[in-house]
Amino acid sequence: MSDADIRIVEATSMDEFALNERAKAVAEVLSATYPNHLWQVGWTNGNVLVVKNALIGGGKYGYTIDNATLANRRDLVRAARLAGGELLERCGMRRGAWDGDEMPGRLEGADPKHLPPI
């Protein structure tokens, strides 16, 4: 799909492998929709997908998407695509490809005590 470096780091069961394949699909779509951004995608407790951008808030700020509320993989990918764009907009970055120079500004809606200085 893209030439982004997307890896599954660990899967200890078939259920976890299936979840990681869904996370990989999300990462591929984010990389294709918003190229060159440093996306981090993975699962946390309770079957919740976490989408982060490593440049924004030191990689400590992102979106969570409850997988249980989505009917299928297509809905999950769509929700993640919207979350990725929203995350870029909240810090004043353009949707689309990252040019390597544009850096995030003030992160709208974030508590400053939880974010490193920009």
N, C-alpha and C. Protein backbone atom coordinates (compact mmCIF):
# COMPACT_ATOMS: atom_id res chain seq x y z
N MET A 1 0.82 -1.19 0.00
CA MET A 1 0.00 0.00 0.00
C MET A 1 0.86 1.26 0.00
N SER A 2 1.85 1.31 0.91
CA SER A 2 2.78 2.44 0.94
C SER A 2 4.16 1.90 1.23
N ASP A 3 5.15 2.78 1.16
CA ASP A 3 6.51 2.34 1.46
C ASP A 3 6.90 2.70 2.89
N ALA A 4 5.92 2.93 3.75
CA ALA A 4 6.17 3.21 5.17
C ALA A 4 6.68 1.94 5.86
N ASP A 5 7.46 2.13 6.90
CA ASP A 5 7.99 1.01 7.68
C ASP A 5 6.99 0.68 8.78
N ILE A 6 6.19 -0.36 8.57
CA ILE A 6 5.14 -0.75 9.51
C ILE A 6 5.45 -2.15 10.00
N ARG A 7 5.56 -2.30 11.32
CA ARG A 7 5.93 -3.60 11.89
C ARG A 7 5.02 -3.99 13.02
N ILE A 8 4.76 -5.28 13.12
CA ILE A 8 4.09 -5.83 14.30
C ILE A 8 5.21 -6.31 15.21
N VAL A 9 5.26 -5.74 16.41
CA VAL A 9 6.37 -6.01 17.30
C VAL A 9 6.19 -7.33 18.03
N GLU A 10 4.98 -7.59 18.52
CA GLU A 10 4.78 -8.81 19.30
C GLU A 10 3.32 -9.23 19.22
N ALA A 11 3.10 -10.51 19.10
CA ALA A 11 1.76 -11.08 19.17
C ALA A 11 1.88 -12.40 19.92
N THR A 12 1.18 -12.53 21.03
CA THR A 12 1.32 -13.72 21.87
C THR A 12 0.17 -14.72 21.69
N SER A 13 -0.85 -14.33 20.94
CA SER A 13 -1.97 -15.24 20.70
C SER A 13 -2.58 -14.91 19.34
N MET A 14 -3.43 -15.78 18.86
CA MET A 14 -4.10 -15.52 17.59
C MET A 14 -5.03 -14.32 17.69
N ASP A 15 -5.69 -14.15 18.84
CA ASP A 15 -6.55 -12.97 19.03
C ASP A 15 -5.72 -11.69 18.95
N GLU A 16 -4.57 -11.71 19.62
CA GLU A 16 -3.70 -10.54 19.60
C GLU A 16 -3.14 -10.30 18.19
N PHE A 17 -2.84 -11.37 17.49
CA PHE A 17 -2.36 -11.24 16.11
C PHE A 17 -3.42 -10.57 15.25
N ALA A 18 -4.68 -10.97 15.40
CA ALA A 18 -5.78 -10.37 14.62
C ALA A 18 -5.91 -8.88 14.93
N LEU A 19 -5.81 -8.51 16.21
CA LEU A 19 -5.87 -7.10 16.58
C LEU A 19 -4.70 -6.33 15.97
N ASN A 20 -3.52 -6.93 16.00
CA ASN A 20 -2.35 -6.26 15.44
C ASN A 20 -2.47 -6.09 13.93
N GLU A 21 -3.11 -7.03 13.27
CA GLU A 21 -3.35 -6.88 11.83
C GLU A 21 -4.28 -5.69 11.57
N ARG A 22 -5.27 -5.50 12.44
CA ARG A 22 -6.16 -4.33 12.30
C ARG A 22 -5.39 -3.04 12.55
N ALA A 23 -4.52 -3.04 13.55
CA ALA A 23 -3.69 -1.86 13.84
C ALA A 23 -2.78 -1.57 12.65
N LYS A 24 -2.24 -2.61 12.04
CA LYS A 24 -1.37 -2.44 10.87
C LYS A 24 -2.14 -1.82 9.71
N ALA A 25 -3.38 -2.26 9.51
CA ALA A 25 -4.21 -1.68 8.45
C ALA A 25 -4.44 -0.19 8.71
N VAL A 26 -4.68 0.17 9.97
CA VAL A 26 -4.86 1.58 10.33
C VAL A 26 -3.58 2.35 10.06
N ALA A 27 -2.44 1.81 10.44
CA ALA A 27 -1.16 2.48 10.21
C ALA A 27 -0.91 2.69 8.71
N GLU A 28 -1.26 1.71 7.90
CA GLU A 28 -1.09 1.84 6.45
C GLU A 28 -1.96 2.96 5.89
N VAL A 29 -3.21 3.05 6.36
CA VAL A 29 -4.10 4.10 5.88
C VAL A 29 -3.62 5.47 6.34
N LEU A 30 -3.19 5.57 7.61
CA LEU A 30 -2.67 6.86 8.09
C LEU A 30 -1.44 7.27 7.30
N SER A 31 -0.55 6.33 7.02
CA SER A 31 0.66 6.64 6.27
C SER A 31 0.35 7.05 4.83
N ALA A 32 -0.69 6.47 4.25
CA ALA A 32 -1.08 6.84 2.89
C ALA A 32 -1.82 8.18 2.87
N THR A 33 -2.65 8.44 3.88
CA THR A 33 -3.45 9.66 3.93
C THR A 33 -2.62 10.86 4.37
N TYR A 34 -1.75 10.65 5.34
CA TYR A 34 -0.90 11.71 5.90
C TYR A 34 0.55 11.24 5.82
N PRO A 35 1.14 11.21 4.61
CA PRO A 35 2.49 10.65 4.43
C PRO A 35 3.56 11.40 5.23
N ASN A 36 4.59 10.66 5.55
CA ASN A 36 5.80 11.17 6.20
C ASN A 36 5.60 11.54 7.67
N HIS A 37 4.39 11.47 8.19
CA HIS A 37 4.17 11.69 9.62
C HIS A 37 4.61 10.45 10.38
N LEU A 38 5.01 10.64 11.62
CA LEU A 38 5.52 9.55 12.45
C LEU A 38 4.40 9.00 13.30
N TRP A 39 3.56 8.14 12.72
CA TRP A 39 2.40 7.60 13.41
C TRP A 39 2.78 6.43 14.31
N GLN A 40 2.13 6.38 15.45
CA GLN A 40 2.24 5.25 16.37
C GLN A 40 0.84 4.70 16.56
N VAL A 41 0.65 3.42 16.29
CA VAL A 41 -0.66 2.80 16.38
C VAL A 41 -0.52 1.50 17.17
N GLY A 42 -1.38 1.30 18.14
CA GLY A 42 -1.33 0.06 18.91
C GLY A 42 -2.55 -0.08 19.79
N TRP A 43 -2.61 -1.19 20.49
CA TRP A 43 -3.75 -1.52 21.33
C TRP A 43 -3.38 -1.35 22.79
N THR A 44 -4.36 -0.95 23.57
CA THR A 44 -4.20 -0.87 25.01
C THR A 44 -5.26 -1.75 25.65
N ASN A 45 -5.28 -1.84 26.95
CA ASN A 45 -6.25 -2.69 27.67
C ASN A 45 -7.67 -2.38 27.23
N GLY A 46 -8.46 -3.41 27.17
CA GLY A 46 -9.88 -3.22 26.86
C GLY A 46 -10.20 -3.11 25.40
N ASN A 47 -9.29 -3.59 24.51
CA ASN A 47 -9.60 -3.61 23.09
C ASN A 47 -9.77 -2.20 22.52
N VAL A 48 -8.92 -1.27 22.97
CA VAL A 48 -8.99 0.13 22.54
C VAL A 48 -7.76 0.44 21.70
N LEU A 49 -7.98 1.00 20.50
CA LEU A 49 -6.89 1.39 19.61
C LEU A 49 -6.38 2.76 20.00
N VAL A 50 -5.07 2.94 20.04
CA VAL A 50 -4.45 4.22 20.34
C VAL A 50 -3.75 4.71 19.08
N VAL A 51 -4.03 5.96 18.68
CA VAL A 51 -3.40 6.58 17.52
C VAL A 51 -2.65 7.82 18.02
N LYS A 52 -1.32 7.86 17.77
CA LYS A 52 -0.50 8.99 18.19
C LYS A 52 0.39 9.42 17.03
N ASN A 53 0.88 10.66 17.12
CA ASN A 53 1.89 11.16 16.21
C ASN A 53 3.09 11.49 17.07
N ALA A 54 4.26 10.91 16.77
CA ALA A 54 5.43 11.05 17.62
C ALA A 54 5.90 12.49 17.77
N LEU A 55 5.57 13.36 16.81
CA LEU A 55 5.98 14.76 16.90
C LEU A 55 5.11 15.57 17.85
N ILE A 56 3.91 15.11 18.10
CA ILE A 56 2.93 15.90 18.85
C ILE A 56 2.98 15.53 20.32
N GLY A 57 3.33 16.49 21.14
CA GLY A 57 3.37 16.25 22.58
C GLY A 57 4.35 15.17 22.98
N GLY A 58 5.44 15.05 22.26
CA GLY A 58 6.42 14.03 22.57
C GLY A 58 5.88 12.62 22.44
N GLY A 59 4.84 12.44 21.63
CA GLY A 59 4.24 11.13 21.45
C GLY A 59 3.36 10.72 22.61
N LYS A 60 3.04 11.67 23.50
CA LYS A 60 2.23 11.35 24.68
C LYS A 60 0.78 11.78 24.54
N TYR A 61 0.41 12.34 23.40
CA TYR A 61 -0.94 12.83 23.19
C TYR A 61 -1.49 12.17 21.94
N GLY A 62 -2.72 11.70 22.02
CA GLY A 62 -3.31 11.06 20.85
C GLY A 62 -4.79 10.81 21.05
N TYR A 63 -5.30 9.88 20.27
CA TYR A 63 -6.71 9.51 20.32
C TYR A 63 -6.83 8.05 20.71
N THR A 64 -7.91 7.73 21.39
CA THR A 64 -8.26 6.34 21.61
C THR A 64 -9.57 6.06 20.89
N ILE A 65 -9.66 4.88 20.32
CA ILE A 65 -10.85 4.47 19.58
C ILE A 65 -11.27 3.11 20.12
N ASP A 66 -12.48 3.03 20.64
CA ASP A 66 -12.99 1.79 21.21
C ASP A 66 -13.40 0.84 20.09
N ASN A 67 -12.63 -0.21 19.92
CA ASN A 67 -12.87 -1.18 18.85
C ASN A 67 -14.23 -1.87 19.00
N ALA A 68 -14.68 -2.05 20.23
CA ALA A 68 -15.94 -2.77 20.46
C ALA A 68 -17.15 -2.01 19.91
N THR A 69 -17.04 -0.69 19.74
CA THR A 69 -18.18 0.09 19.26
C THR A 69 -18.25 0.16 17.73
N LEU A 70 -17.25 -0.39 17.05
CA LEU A 70 -17.21 -0.31 15.60
C LEU A 70 -17.59 -1.65 14.99
N ALA A 71 -18.38 -1.59 13.95
CA ALA A 71 -18.95 -2.80 13.35
C ALA A 71 -17.92 -3.63 12.59
N ASN A 72 -16.95 -2.97 11.95
CA ASN A 72 -16.03 -3.72 11.10
C ASN A 72 -14.71 -2.96 10.93
N ARG A 73 -13.81 -3.58 10.19
CA ARG A 73 -12.48 -3.00 9.97
C ARG A 73 -12.58 -1.67 9.23
N ARG A 74 -13.47 -1.57 8.26
CA ARG A 74 -13.64 -0.33 7.50
C ARG A 74 -14.01 0.83 8.42
N ASP A 75 -14.90 0.60 9.38
CA ASP A 75 -15.29 1.65 10.33
C ASP A 75 -14.12 2.05 11.21
N LEU A 76 -13.31 1.07 11.62
CA LEU A 76 -12.14 1.36 12.44
C LEU A 76 -11.14 2.23 11.68
N VAL A 77 -10.88 1.88 10.44
CA VAL A 77 -9.95 2.63 9.61
C VAL A 77 -10.46 4.05 9.38
N ARG A 78 -11.74 4.20 9.14
CA ARG A 78 -12.33 5.52 8.93
C ARG A 78 -12.20 6.37 10.19
N ALA A 79 -12.51 5.79 11.34
CA ALA A 79 -12.40 6.53 12.61
C ALA A 79 -10.96 6.96 12.86
N ALA A 80 -10.00 6.09 12.55
CA ALA A 80 -8.59 6.42 12.75
C ALA A 80 -8.14 7.51 11.78
N ARG A 81 -8.61 7.48 10.54
CA ARG A 81 -8.25 8.51 9.57
C ARG A 81 -8.74 9.88 10.06
N LEU A 82 -9.97 9.92 10.55
CA LEU A 82 -10.51 11.17 11.08
C LEU A 82 -9.74 11.62 12.31
N ALA A 83 -9.40 10.68 13.19
CA ALA A 83 -8.64 11.00 14.40
C ALA A 83 -7.26 11.55 14.05
N GLY A 84 -6.61 10.96 13.07
CA GLY A 84 -5.29 11.45 12.65
C GLY A 84 -5.35 12.88 12.14
N GLY A 85 -6.33 13.18 11.31
CA GLY A 85 -6.50 14.54 10.80
C GLY A 85 -6.83 15.52 11.90
N GLU A 86 -7.69 15.11 12.81
CA GLU A 86 -8.05 15.96 13.95
C GLU A 86 -6.82 16.26 14.81
N LEU A 87 -6.01 15.26 15.04
CA LEU A 87 -4.80 15.42 15.84
C LEU A 87 -3.86 16.43 15.18
N LEU A 88 -3.69 16.34 13.88
CA LEU A 88 -2.85 17.31 13.17
C LEU A 88 -3.41 18.72 13.28
N GLU A 89 -4.72 18.87 13.08
CA GLU A 89 -5.33 20.18 13.15
C GLU A 89 -5.25 20.80 14.55
N ARG A 90 -5.37 19.98 15.59
CA ARG A 90 -5.33 20.50 16.96
C ARG A 90 -3.99 21.13 17.32
N CYS A 91 -2.94 20.75 16.62
CA CYS A 91 -1.64 21.35 16.91
C CYS A 91 -1.20 22.29 15.79
N GLY A 92 -2.13 22.65 14.92
CA GLY A 92 -1.84 23.64 13.89
C GLY A 92 -1.07 23.12 12.69
N MET A 93 -1.03 21.81 12.50
CA MET A 93 -0.35 21.26 11.33
C MET A 93 -1.37 20.99 10.23
N ARG A 94 -0.91 21.06 8.99
CA ARG A 94 -1.78 20.80 7.85
C ARG A 94 -2.08 19.31 7.73
N ARG A 95 -3.31 19.00 7.30
CA ARG A 95 -3.61 17.62 6.90
C ARG A 95 -2.85 17.37 5.61
N GLY A 96 -2.40 16.17 5.43
CA GLY A 96 -1.63 15.84 4.24
C GLY A 96 -0.21 15.45 4.61
N ALA A 97 0.67 15.49 3.63
CA ALA A 97 2.04 15.04 3.83
C ALA A 97 2.82 16.02 4.71
N TRP A 98 3.68 15.47 5.57
CA TRP A 98 4.56 16.28 6.38
C TRP A 98 5.79 16.61 5.55
N ASP A 99 6.18 17.89 5.53
CA ASP A 99 7.32 18.32 4.71
C ASP A 99 8.66 18.21 5.42
N GLY A 100 8.66 17.80 6.67
CA GLY A 100 9.91 17.66 7.43
C GLY A 100 10.31 18.92 8.16
N ASP A 101 9.69 20.05 7.83
CA ASP A 101 10.02 21.33 8.48
C ASP A 101 8.93 21.80 9.43
N GLU A 102 7.69 21.61 9.05
CA GLU A 102 6.57 22.08 9.86
C GLU A 102 6.55 21.32 11.19
N MET A 103 6.51 22.07 12.27
CA MET A 103 6.48 21.46 13.60
C MET A 103 5.17 21.83 14.29
N PRO A 104 4.71 20.98 15.21
CA PRO A 104 3.45 21.27 15.89
C PRO A 104 3.56 22.51 16.76
N GLY A 105 2.45 23.22 16.85
CA GLY A 105 2.37 24.38 17.72
C GLY A 105 1.64 24.01 19.00
N ARG A 106 0.92 24.96 19.54
CA ARG A 106 0.16 24.72 20.77
C ARG A 106 -0.91 23.67 20.50
N LEU A 107 -1.03 22.72 21.40
CA LEU A 107 -1.95 21.61 21.22
C LEU A 107 -3.30 21.96 21.84
N GLU A 108 -4.25 22.28 20.98
CA GLU A 108 -5.59 22.66 21.42
C GLU A 108 -6.27 21.53 22.19
N GLY A 109 -6.78 21.85 23.36
CA GLY A 109 -7.51 20.87 24.15
C GLY A 109 -6.66 20.03 25.08
N ALA A 110 -5.35 20.26 25.09
CA ALA A 110 -4.46 19.45 25.95
C ALA A 110 -4.11 20.23 27.21
N ASP A 111 -3.96 19.52 28.31
CA ASP A 111 -3.53 20.13 29.55
C ASP A 111 -2.02 20.35 29.47
N PRO A 112 -1.55 21.60 29.55
CA PRO A 112 -0.12 21.89 29.39
C PRO A 112 0.78 21.15 30.37
N LYS A 113 0.29 20.81 31.54
CA LYS A 113 1.16 20.12 32.51
C LYS A 113 1.50 18.69 32.09
N HIS A 114 0.75 18.16 31.12
CA HIS A 114 1.01 16.80 30.64
C HIS A 114 1.87 16.77 29.38
N LEU A 115 2.23 17.95 28.85
CA LEU A 115 2.96 18.01 27.61
C LEU A 115 4.35 18.61 27.82
N PRO A 116 5.34 18.09 27.11
CA PRO A 116 6.67 18.70 27.19
C PRO A 116 6.66 20.05 26.47
N PRO A 117 7.60 20.93 26.81
CA PRO A 117 7.64 22.23 26.10
C PRO A 117 7.95 22.03 24.62
N ILE A 118 7.39 22.91 23.79
CA ILE A 118 7.61 22.82 22.34
C ILE A 118 8.76 23.72 21.97
